[in-house]
Amino acid sequence: MTDVLDLHAYLARIGYRGDRSPTLVNLHALTAAHTKSIPFENLDVLLGRPIDLEPVALFRKLVTDRRGGYCFEQNGLFLHVLEALGYSVKPLSARVRLQRPRDFLPPRTHVFLRVELEGESWLTDVGVGAASLTSAIRFVHDLEQPTDHEPRRIVREGSVDFHQVRHGEVWNDVYEFTGEEMPLVDRTVASWFTSAHPHSHFRDRLMAARALDDGRRLTLLNRELTMRARDGSTETRSIDTPEELLKVLAESFGLEFPAGTRFGTGESLPWAT
């Protein structure tokens, strides 16, 4: 990746001007800057475009073309960035559990990053939508940890760890994991399922998310634009026209598309082709 990764261009993309040494302070800062600058989104899936996880393609899409992406793209790029900066980092697999009951078993279609630093393990994740981290969290159990946005914790049940986020007074599962590494070949298979399998929810809903500087988060789900405050309270408004949708994507998420663009073919999608 180092032969195709222009660190200066990446750091300019996320607005980071700080020190580049592989320290915990800088890991926190890079995590926050990435999540606030490069939006989570699945729009290429809805446009029928293939998702390419090769390093040069990730850099071109997320940095040069100023687009966003989902976990395999976001954390794939961030993995290479951290490696280039001298961090010891591994991609780990997970099952996303946001808004899913414990008796439902989701597929293993998420990747996040484990960083070994200063004698401890830290987790970072810039690719889980409205729950993307804005600070790395220490890999310890039953410890509430602050981030730039919501508190987090990791709890263990049996042989499985759960990454959780607190909204108000309620702890919600983000994903479960066992610590298994997820090499590129496995990420490629899982990404194909996410982008192409008819049962993948990435194919039947429009999603975008971005963290803001003041602790709020902005999330787009089909026609609903939601602002979530740090305390968990939300304000939601509907988007009424396809032209307004393109305007929201451009102004709120930095995602520019030509006039007349329509996303996907599913009946549940807004103004689908």
Protein backbone atom coordinates (compact mmCIF):
# COMPACT_ATOMS: atom_id res chain seq x y z
CA MET A 1 0.00 0.00 0.00
CA THR A 2 2.85 2.40 0.69
CA ASP A 3 3.55 2.77 -3.03
CA VAL A 4 0.00 4.00 -3.73
CA LEU A 5 -0.81 5.74 -0.44
CA ASP A 6 -0.18 9.46 -0.52
CA LEU A 7 -0.23 10.20 3.21
CA HIS A 8 -0.19 13.93 2.63
CA ALA A 9 -3.32 13.68 0.46
CA TYR A 10 -5.08 11.42 2.97
CA LEU A 11 -4.28 13.68 5.91
CA ALA A 12 -5.47 16.69 3.92
CA ARG A 13 -8.70 14.80 3.14
CA ILE A 14 -9.43 14.32 6.84
CA GLY A 15 -8.14 17.76 7.85
CA TYR A 16 -5.41 16.38 10.10
CA ARG A 17 -2.38 18.62 10.62
CA GLY A 18 -0.88 17.05 13.73
CA ASP A 19 2.13 14.92 14.49
CA ARG A 20 2.52 11.64 12.56
CA SER A 21 4.30 9.52 15.17
CA PRO A 22 2.46 6.32 16.22
CA THR A 23 1.20 7.42 19.65
CA LEU A 24 -2.10 6.94 21.44
CA VAL A 25 -2.88 10.66 21.33
CA ASN A 26 -2.44 10.63 17.56
CA LEU A 27 -4.49 7.44 17.16
CA HIS A 28 -7.40 9.17 18.92
CA ALA A 29 -7.00 12.25 16.74
CA LEU A 30 -6.78 10.30 13.48
CA THR A 31 -9.85 8.23 14.37
CA ALA A 32 -11.88 11.35 15.09
CA ALA A 33 -10.70 13.21 12.01
CA HIS A 34 -11.47 10.30 9.68
CA THR A 35 -14.99 9.68 11.05
CA LYS A 36 -15.85 13.37 10.91
CA SER A 37 -14.53 13.85 7.37
CA ILE A 38 -15.19 10.70 5.31
CA PRO A 39 -18.87 9.74 5.46
CA PHE A 40 -20.16 6.23 5.83
CA GLU A 41 -22.37 5.45 2.82
CA ASN A 42 -23.57 2.61 0.57
CA LEU A 43 -24.48 4.58 -2.54
CA ASP A 44 -22.30 2.63 -4.99
CA VAL A 45 -24.14 -0.54 -3.97
CA LEU A 46 -27.45 1.12 -4.88
CA LEU A 47 -26.00 2.38 -8.14
CA GLY A 48 -24.94 -1.14 -9.11
CA ARG A 49 -21.24 -0.35 -9.03
CA PRO A 50 -18.76 -3.02 -7.85
CA ILE A 51 -16.91 -2.49 -4.58
CA ASP A 52 -13.14 -2.79 -5.05
CA LEU A 53 -11.07 -3.38 -1.91
CA GLU A 54 -7.67 -3.14 -3.56
CA PRO A 55 -5.59 -0.37 -1.94
CA VAL A 56 -5.35 1.81 -5.04
CA ALA A 57 -9.13 1.67 -5.50
CA LEU A 58 -9.81 2.53 -1.86
CA PHE A 59 -7.49 5.52 -2.03
CA ARG A 60 -8.97 6.75 -5.30
CA LYS A 61 -12.57 6.51 -4.10
CA LEU A 62 -12.31 7.81 -0.52
CA VAL A 63 -9.48 10.31 -0.95
CA THR A 64 -9.14 11.41 -4.60
CA ASP A 65 -12.85 11.23 -5.48
CA ARG A 66 -13.93 12.43 -2.02
CA ARG A 67 -16.51 9.71 -1.58
CA GLY A 68 -17.33 7.56 1.44
CA GLY A 69 -17.93 3.86 1.81
CA TYR A 70 -18.84 1.07 4.19
CA CYS A 71 -16.69 -0.84 6.69
CA PHE A 72 -14.50 -2.82 4.30
CA GLU A 73 -13.61 0.36 2.45
CA GLN A 74 -13.32 2.70 5.45
CA ASN A 75 -11.39 0.39 7.76
CA GLY A 76 -9.48 -1.06 4.81
CA LEU A 77 -8.07 2.37 4.02
CA PHE A 78 -7.53 3.22 7.69
CA LEU A 79 -5.66 -0.06 8.19
CA HIS A 80 -3.16 0.88 5.48
CA VAL A 81 -2.83 4.42 6.81
CA LEU A 82 -2.04 3.24 10.33
CA GLU A 83 0.46 0.70 9.03
CA ALA A 84 2.19 3.40 6.98
CA LEU A 85 2.40 5.58 10.09
CA GLY A 86 4.11 2.80 12.03
CA TYR A 87 1.26 1.36 14.11
CA SER A 88 0.98 -2.37 14.84
CA VAL A 89 -2.54 -3.06 13.61
CA LYS A 90 -4.69 -6.06 12.64
CA PRO A 91 -8.15 -6.27 11.01
CA LEU A 92 -10.66 -8.27 13.09
CA SER A 93 -14.03 -9.69 12.04
CA ALA A 94 -17.34 -9.02 13.76
CA ARG A 95 -21.11 -9.51 13.56
CA VAL A 96 -23.02 -6.21 13.61
CA ARG A 97 -25.82 -6.18 16.20
CA LEU A 98 -27.15 -2.63 15.98
CA GLN A 99 -30.95 -2.77 16.41
CA ARG A 100 -30.90 -6.58 16.40
CA PRO A 101 -32.07 -8.86 19.23
CA ARG A 102 -29.64 -11.25 20.87
CA ASP A 103 -31.55 -14.30 19.58
CA PHE A 104 -30.78 -13.29 15.98
CA LEU A 105 -27.42 -14.42 14.53
CA PRO A 106 -26.16 -11.87 11.97
CA PRO A 107 -23.49 -12.81 9.40
CA ARG A 108 -19.83 -12.05 10.06
CA THR A 109 -19.76 -9.07 7.70
CA HIS A 110 -17.92 -6.37 9.60
CA VAL A 111 -14.25 -5.51 10.01
CA PHE A 112 -12.67 -3.26 12.64
CA LEU A 113 -9.09 -2.70 13.78
CA ARG A 114 -7.05 -3.78 16.79
CA VAL A 115 -3.96 -1.72 17.55
CA GLU A 116 -1.15 -2.81 19.88
CA LEU A 117 0.27 0.30 21.45
CA GLU A 118 2.27 1.12 24.54
CA GLY A 119 1.80 -2.39 25.94
CA GLU A 120 -2.00 -2.40 25.56
CA SER A 121 -4.60 -3.38 22.97
CA TRP A 122 -6.85 -0.67 21.54
CA LEU A 123 -9.82 -0.92 19.17
CA THR A 124 -10.68 1.60 16.50
CA ASP A 125 -13.45 1.53 13.93
CA VAL A 126 -14.24 4.25 11.38
CA GLY A 127 -16.72 2.11 9.42
CA VAL A 128 -19.80 1.24 11.45
CA GLY A 129 -22.12 4.02 10.35
CA ALA A 130 -23.68 6.16 13.04
CA ALA A 131 -21.74 4.17 15.66
CA SER A 132 -18.28 4.74 14.15
CA LEU A 133 -15.73 5.56 16.82
CA THR A 134 -14.35 9.05 17.26
CA SER A 135 -11.72 7.86 19.75
CA ALA A 136 -9.98 4.53 20.07
CA ILE A 137 -11.13 2.43 23.04
CA ARG A 138 -9.01 0.22 25.27
CA PHE A 139 -9.64 -3.51 24.93
CA VAL A 140 -10.64 -4.16 28.53
CA HIS A 141 -13.91 -5.49 29.91
CA ASP A 142 -16.64 -3.71 31.87
CA LEU A 143 -15.03 -0.28 31.74
CA GLU A 144 -17.09 2.68 30.57
CA GLN A 145 -14.85 4.72 28.26
CA PRO A 146 -15.51 8.24 26.99
CA THR A 147 -15.09 9.16 23.34
CA ASP A 148 -15.56 12.43 21.49
CA HIS A 149 -19.19 11.40 21.17
CA GLU A 150 -20.87 8.60 23.16
CA PRO A 151 -19.52 6.44 26.01
CA ARG A 152 -18.45 2.92 25.03
CA ARG A 153 -17.65 -0.32 26.79
CA ILE A 154 -16.72 -3.92 26.01
CA VAL A 155 -18.50 -6.71 27.85
CA ARG A 156 -17.78 -10.43 27.67
CA GLU A 157 -20.40 -13.16 27.64
CA GLY A 158 -19.03 -16.68 27.39
CA SER A 159 -16.43 -16.67 24.64
CA VAL A 160 -17.83 -13.60 22.87
CA ASP A 161 -17.06 -9.90 23.36
CA PHE A 162 -19.67 -7.21 22.74
CA HIS A 163 -18.78 -3.64 21.82
CA GLN A 164 -21.55 -1.44 23.21
CA VAL A 165 -22.54 2.22 22.97
CA ARG A 166 -24.55 4.17 25.54
CA HIS A 167 -27.38 6.40 24.31
CA GLY A 168 -28.80 8.23 27.29
CA GLU A 169 -28.97 5.60 30.04
CA VAL A 170 -29.30 2.61 27.72
CA TRP A 171 -26.41 0.41 26.55
CA ASN A 172 -26.86 -0.96 23.02
CA ASP A 173 -24.84 -3.64 21.25
CA VAL A 174 -22.81 -2.40 18.28
CA TYR A 175 -21.24 -5.73 17.34
CA GLU A 176 -19.93 -8.98 18.74
CA PHE A 177 -16.50 -10.44 18.05
CA THR A 178 -14.16 -13.24 19.05
CA GLY A 179 -10.81 -11.67 18.10
CA GLU A 180 -10.45 -13.60 14.84
CA GLU A 181 -8.32 -11.82 12.27
CA MET A 182 -9.98 -10.95 8.94
CA PRO A 183 -7.45 -11.00 6.06
CA LEU A 184 -8.24 -9.44 2.70
CA VAL A 185 -9.54 -12.69 1.19
CA ASP A 186 -12.19 -12.95 3.93
CA ARG A 187 -13.02 -9.26 3.69
CA THR A 188 -13.53 -9.67 -0.06
CA VAL A 189 -16.01 -12.52 0.43
CA ALA A 190 -17.92 -10.66 3.15
CA SER A 191 -17.95 -7.47 1.08
CA TRP A 192 -19.46 -9.38 -1.84
CA PHE A 193 -22.27 -10.59 0.44
CA THR A 194 -22.81 -7.09 1.78
CA SER A 195 -22.96 -5.47 -1.65
CA ALA A 196 -24.47 -8.19 -3.85
CA HIS A 197 -26.49 -10.76 -1.91
CA PRO A 198 -30.26 -10.20 -2.27
CA HIS A 199 -30.75 -10.56 1.50
CA SER A 200 -28.22 -7.86 2.38
CA HIS A 201 -29.90 -4.78 3.83
CA PHE A 202 -27.25 -2.66 2.10
CA ARG A 203 -29.16 -3.34 -1.12
CA ASP A 204 -32.60 -2.17 0.03
CA ARG A 205 -31.93 1.01 1.98
CA LEU A 206 -30.01 4.22 1.41
CA MET A 207 -27.57 5.02 4.20
CA ALA A 208 -25.15 7.81 5.04
CA ALA A 209 -23.65 8.92 8.36
CA ARG A 210 -21.12 11.43 9.63
CA ALA A 211 -19.92 12.57 13.04
CA LEU A 212 -19.88 16.29 13.73
CA ASP A 213 -17.40 18.35 15.72
CA ASP A 214 -19.79 19.19 18.58
CA GLY A 215 -20.64 15.63 19.65
CA ARG A 216 -23.64 15.28 17.37
CA ARG A 217 -24.12 12.73 14.60
CA LEU A 218 -25.97 13.11 11.32
CA THR A 219 -27.61 10.02 9.80
CA LEU A 220 -29.57 9.53 6.59
CA LEU A 221 -31.77 6.46 6.19
CA ASN A 222 -33.79 6.52 2.98
CA ARG A 223 -35.83 9.74 3.31
CA GLU A 224 -35.22 10.35 7.04
CA LEU A 225 -32.45 12.73 8.10
CA THR A 226 -31.69 12.42 11.82
CA MET A 227 -29.52 14.53 14.09
CA ARG A 228 -28.49 12.71 17.28
CA ALA A 229 -27.12 14.74 20.20
CA ARG A 230 -24.43 13.49 22.55
CA ASP A 231 -27.10 12.70 25.19
CA GLY A 232 -28.94 10.40 22.76
CA SER A 233 -31.84 12.72 21.95
CA THR A 234 -32.77 12.96 18.27
CA GLU A 235 -34.43 15.26 15.78
CA THR A 236 -35.65 13.81 12.47
CA ARG A 237 -37.05 15.36 9.33
CA SER A 238 -38.24 13.90 6.05
CA ILE A 239 -36.76 14.59 2.65
CA ASP A 240 -39.57 15.30 0.21
CA THR A 241 -38.06 15.20 -3.28
CA PRO A 242 -35.21 13.47 -5.13
CA GLU A 243 -33.67 16.88 -5.77
CA GLU A 244 -33.66 17.60 -2.04
CA LEU A 245 -32.02 14.23 -1.40
CA LEU A 246 -29.13 15.12 -3.72
CA LYS A 247 -28.84 18.50 -2.02
CA VAL A 248 -28.68 16.88 1.45
CA LEU A 249 -26.05 14.41 0.28
CA ALA A 250 -23.93 17.26 -1.06
CA GLU A 251 -24.37 19.81 1.73
CA SER A 252 -24.49 17.52 4.78
CA PHE A 253 -22.22 14.66 3.71
CA GLY A 254 -20.00 16.16 0.99
CA LEU A 255 -21.26 13.62 -1.57
CA GLU A 256 -21.76 15.12 -5.01
CA PHE A 257 -23.88 13.36 -7.65
CA PRO A 258 -25.15 14.59 -11.02
CA ALA A 259 -28.64 16.04 -11.23
CA GLY A 260 -31.19 13.34 -11.91
CA THR A 261 -29.27 10.57 -10.10
CA ARG A 262 -31.54 7.90 -8.62
CA PHE A 263 -30.41 5.16 -6.26
CA GLY A 264 -31.34 1.50 -6.63
CA THR A 265 -34.39 -0.42 -7.73
CA GLY A 266 -35.95 -1.65 -4.48
CA GLU A 267 -39.48 -0.54 -3.62
CA SER A 268 -38.34 0.55 -0.16
CA LEU A 269 -35.81 3.00 -1.58
CA PRO A 270 -36.70 6.66 -2.13
CA TRP A 271 -37.37 7.55 -5.77
CA ALA A 272 -35.62 4.40 -7.02
CA THR A 273 -34.98 3.92 -10.73
